[in-house]
Amino acid sequence: MLDDQKLKRLNQLAKLKRKDKISAAELKELTGLREQYLSNFRNSFKNQIENTKVIDPDGKDVTPDKVKALRNKK
Protein backbone atom coordinates (compact mmCIF):
# COMPACT_ATOMS: atom_id res chain seq x y z
CA MET A 1 0.00 0.00 0.00
CA LEU A 2 1.13 3.55 -0.59
CA ASP A 3 2.35 5.39 2.46
CA ASP A 4 0.11 8.14 3.84
CA GLN A 5 2.17 10.94 2.33
CA LYS A 6 2.00 9.52 -1.20
CA LEU A 7 -1.71 8.79 -0.87
CA LYS A 8 -2.36 12.34 0.31
CA ARG A 9 -0.38 13.70 -2.64
CA LEU A 10 -2.28 11.45 -5.05
CA ASN A 11 -5.57 12.85 -3.79
CA GLN A 12 -4.30 16.45 -4.01
CA LEU A 13 -3.22 15.97 -7.61
CA ALA A 14 -6.51 14.28 -8.51
CA LYS A 15 -8.42 17.29 -7.16
CA LEU A 16 -6.25 19.63 -9.22
CA LYS A 17 -6.89 17.57 -12.33
CA ARG A 18 -10.65 17.69 -11.81
CA LYS A 19 -10.41 21.48 -11.70
CA ASP A 20 -8.16 21.55 -14.80
CA LYS A 21 -5.46 23.32 -12.79
CA ILE A 22 -2.68 20.77 -13.16
CA SER A 23 0.72 21.26 -14.79
CA ALA A 24 2.41 18.75 -17.07
CA ALA A 25 4.89 17.80 -14.33
CA GLU A 26 2.08 17.28 -11.83
CA LEU A 27 0.15 15.20 -14.36
CA LYS A 28 3.21 12.97 -14.82
CA GLU A 29 3.54 12.64 -11.03
CA LEU A 30 -0.18 11.80 -10.77
CA THR A 31 0.17 9.09 -13.41
CA GLY A 32 3.12 7.54 -11.58
CA LEU A 33 1.34 7.57 -8.23
CA ARG A 34 -1.78 6.03 -9.77
CA GLU A 35 0.29 3.24 -11.30
CA GLN A 36 1.89 2.52 -7.92
CA TYR A 37 -1.49 2.52 -6.20
CA LEU A 38 -3.08 0.22 -8.78
CA SER A 39 -0.11 -2.15 -8.75
CA ASN A 40 -0.29 -2.44 -4.96
CA PHE A 41 -4.06 -2.90 -5.09
CA ARG A 42 -3.85 -5.63 -7.71
CA ASN A 43 -1.13 -7.53 -5.84
CA SER A 44 -3.07 -7.30 -2.58
CA PHE A 45 -6.29 -8.48 -4.22
CA LYS A 46 -4.50 -11.35 -5.99
CA ASN A 47 -3.00 -12.51 -2.69
CA GLN A 48 -6.41 -12.34 -1.04
CA ILE A 49 -8.00 -14.45 -3.77
CA GLU A 50 -5.17 -16.99 -3.76
CA ASN A 51 -5.56 -17.48 -0.02
CA THR A 52 -9.35 -17.87 -0.10
CA LYS A 53 -10.83 -21.26 0.58
CA VAL A 54 -14.50 -21.93 -0.23
CA ILE A 55 -16.33 -24.46 1.93
CA ASP A 56 -19.88 -25.64 1.19
CA PRO A 57 -22.47 -26.25 3.94
CA ASP A 58 -21.44 -29.92 4.10
CA GLY A 59 -17.85 -28.98 4.92
CA LYS A 60 -16.39 -29.89 1.52
CA ASP A 61 -13.72 -27.75 -0.07
CA VAL A 62 -15.31 -26.35 -3.24
CA THR A 63 -12.64 -23.81 -4.05
CA PRO A 64 -12.59 -23.22 -7.82
CA ASP A 65 -9.86 -25.12 -9.66
CA LYS A 66 -8.52 -21.90 -11.12
CA VAL A 67 -7.84 -20.54 -7.61
CA LYS A 68 -6.25 -23.83 -6.55
CA ALA A 69 -3.99 -23.72 -9.60
CA LEU A 70 -2.87 -20.19 -8.71
CA ARG A 71 -2.11 -21.32 -5.18
CA ASN A 72 -0.05 -24.28 -6.44
CA LYS A 73 2.11 -22.05 -8.68
CA LYS A 74 3.75 -20.50 -5.62
C-alpha atoms as a PDB file:
ATOM      1  CA  MET A   1       0.000   0.000   0.000  1.00  0.00           C
ATOM      2  CA  LEU A   2       1.129   3.547  -0.587  1.00  0.00           C
ATOM      3  CA  ASP A   3       2.349   5.386   2.465  1.00  0.00           C
ATOM      4  CA  ASP A   4       0.111   8.135   3.840  1.00  0.00           C
ATOM      5  CA  GLN A   5       2.169  10.942   2.334  1.00  0.00           C
ATOM      6  CA  LYS A   6       1.999   9.524  -1.202  1.00  0.00           C
ATOM      7  CA  LEU A   7      -1.709   8.789  -0.872  1.00  0.00           C
ATOM      8  CA  LYS A   8      -2.364  12.336   0.311  1.00  0.00           C
ATOM      9  CA  ARG A   9      -0.376  13.704  -2.642  1.00  0.00           C
ATOM     10  CA  LEU A  10      -2.280  11.448  -5.053  1.00  0.00           C
ATOM     11  CA  ASN A  11      -5.570  12.853  -3.788  1.00  0.00           C
ATOM     12  CA  GLN A  12      -4.299  16.450  -4.006  1.00  0.00           C
ATOM     13  CA  LEU A  13      -3.225  15.973  -7.609  1.00  0.00           C
ATOM     14  CA  ALA A  14      -6.506  14.277  -8.506  1.00  0.00           C
ATOM     15  CA  LYS A  15      -8.421  17.292  -7.165  1.00  0.00           C
ATOM     16  CA  LEU A  16      -6.249  19.632  -9.221  1.00  0.00           C
ATOM     17  CA  LYS A  17      -6.892  17.567 -12.331  1.00  0.00           C
ATOM     18  CA  ARG A  18     -10.652  17.688 -11.814  1.00  0.00           C
ATOM     19  CA  LYS A  19     -10.413  21.485 -11.703  1.00  0.00           C
ATOM     20  CA  ASP A  20      -8.160  21.548 -14.796  1.00  0.00           C
ATOM     21  CA  LYS A  21      -5.462  23.320 -12.787  1.00  0.00           C
ATOM     22  CA  ILE A  22      -2.682  20.765 -13.157  1.00  0.00           C
ATOM     23  CA  SER A  23       0.715  21.257 -14.794  1.00  0.00           C
ATOM     24  CA  ALA A  24       2.412  18.752 -17.074  1.00  0.00           C
ATOM     25  CA  ALA A  25       4.890  17.802 -14.326  1.00  0.00           C
ATOM     26  CA  GLU A  26       2.076  17.276 -11.828  1.00  0.00           C
ATOM     27  CA  LEU A  27       0.155  15.199 -14.360  1.00  0.00           C
ATOM     28  CA  LYS A  28       3.207  12.973 -14.821  1.00  0.00           C
ATOM     29  CA  GLU A  29       3.535  12.638 -11.030  1.00  0.00           C
ATOM     30  CA  LEU A  30      -0.181  11.798 -10.769  1.00  0.00           C
ATOM     31  CA  THR A  31       0.168   9.090 -13.411  1.00  0.00           C
ATOM     32  CA  GLY A  32       3.125   7.538 -11.580  1.00  0.00           C
ATOM     33  CA  LEU A  33       1.340   7.566  -8.230  1.00  0.00           C
ATOM     34  CA  ARG A  34      -1.779   6.025  -9.770  1.00  0.00           C
ATOM     35  CA  GLU A  35       0.288   3.238 -11.296  1.00  0.00           C
ATOM     36  CA  GLN A  36       1.895   2.517  -7.918  1.00  0.00           C
ATOM     37  CA  TYR A  37      -1.489   2.521  -6.201  1.00  0.00           C
ATOM     38  CA  LEU A  38      -3.080   0.217  -8.782  1.00  0.00           C
ATOM     39  CA  SER A  39      -0.111  -2.151  -8.751  1.00  0.00           C
ATOM     40  CA  ASN A  40      -0.286  -2.439  -4.962  1.00  0.00           C
ATOM     41  CA  PHE A  41      -4.061  -2.899  -5.086  1.00  0.00           C
ATOM     42  CA  ARG A  42      -3.848  -5.634  -7.713  1.00  0.00           C
ATOM     43  CA  ASN A  43      -1.130  -7.529  -5.835  1.00  0.00           C
ATOM     44  CA  SER A  44      -3.071  -7.304  -2.582  1.00  0.00           C
ATOM     45  CA  PHE A  45      -6.291  -8.480  -4.224  1.00  0.00           C
ATOM     46  CA  LYS A  46      -4.503 -11.346  -5.986  1.00  0.00           C
ATOM     47  CA  ASN A  47      -3.005 -12.506  -2.685  1.00  0.00           C
ATOM     48  CA  GLN A  48      -6.414 -12.343  -1.042  1.00  0.00           C
ATOM     49  CA  ILE A  49      -8.004 -14.452  -3.775  1.00  0.00           C
ATOM     50  CA  GLU A  50      -5.167 -16.986  -3.764  1.00  0.00           C
ATOM     51  CA  ASN A  51      -5.563 -17.476  -0.017  1.00  0.00           C
ATOM     52  CA  THR A  52      -9.345 -17.871  -0.104  1.00  0.00           C
ATOM     53  CA  LYS A  53     -10.829 -21.259   0.576  1.00  0.00           C
ATOM     54  CA  VAL A  54     -14.499 -21.932  -0.226  1.00  0.00           C
ATOM     55  CA  ILE A  55     -16.330 -24.463   1.934  1.00  0.00           C
ATOM     56  CA  ASP A  56     -19.882 -25.640   1.188  1.00  0.00           C
ATOM     57  CA  PRO A  57     -22.475 -26.248   3.944  1.00  0.00           C
ATOM     58  CA  ASP A  58     -21.441 -29.922   4.105  1.00  0.00           C
ATOM     59  CA  GLY A  59     -17.855 -28.984   4.924  1.00  0.00           C
ATOM     60  CA  LYS A  60     -16.394 -29.886   1.521  1.00  0.00           C
ATOM     61  CA  ASP A  61     -13.717 -27.750  -0.068  1.00  0.00           C
ATOM     62  CA  VAL A  62     -15.307 -26.345  -3.239  1.00  0.00           C
ATOM     63  CA  THR A  63     -12.638 -23.808  -4.048  1.00  0.00           C
ATOM     64  CA  PRO A  64     -12.589 -23.225  -7.824  1.00  0.00           C
ATOM     65  CA  ASP A  65      -9.858 -25.121  -9.660  1.00  0.00           C
ATOM     66  CA  LYS A  66      -8.516 -21.896 -11.116  1.00  0.00           C
ATOM     67  CA  VAL A  67      -7.842 -20.544  -7.608  1.00  0.00           C
ATOM     68  CA  LYS A  68      -6.250 -23.834  -6.550  1.00  0.00           C
ATOM     69  CA  ALA A  69      -3.991 -23.718  -9.603  1.00  0.00           C
ATOM     70  CA  LEU A  70      -2.865 -20.185  -8.714  1.00  0.00           C
ATOM     71  CA  ARG A  71      -2.105 -21.318  -5.183  1.00  0.00           C
ATOM     72  CA  ASN A  72      -0.046 -24.278  -6.440  1.00  0.00           C
ATOM     73  CA  LYS A  73       2.105 -22.053  -8.677  1.00  0.00           C
ATOM     74  CA  LYS A  74       3.754 -20.502  -5.624  1.00  0.00           C
END
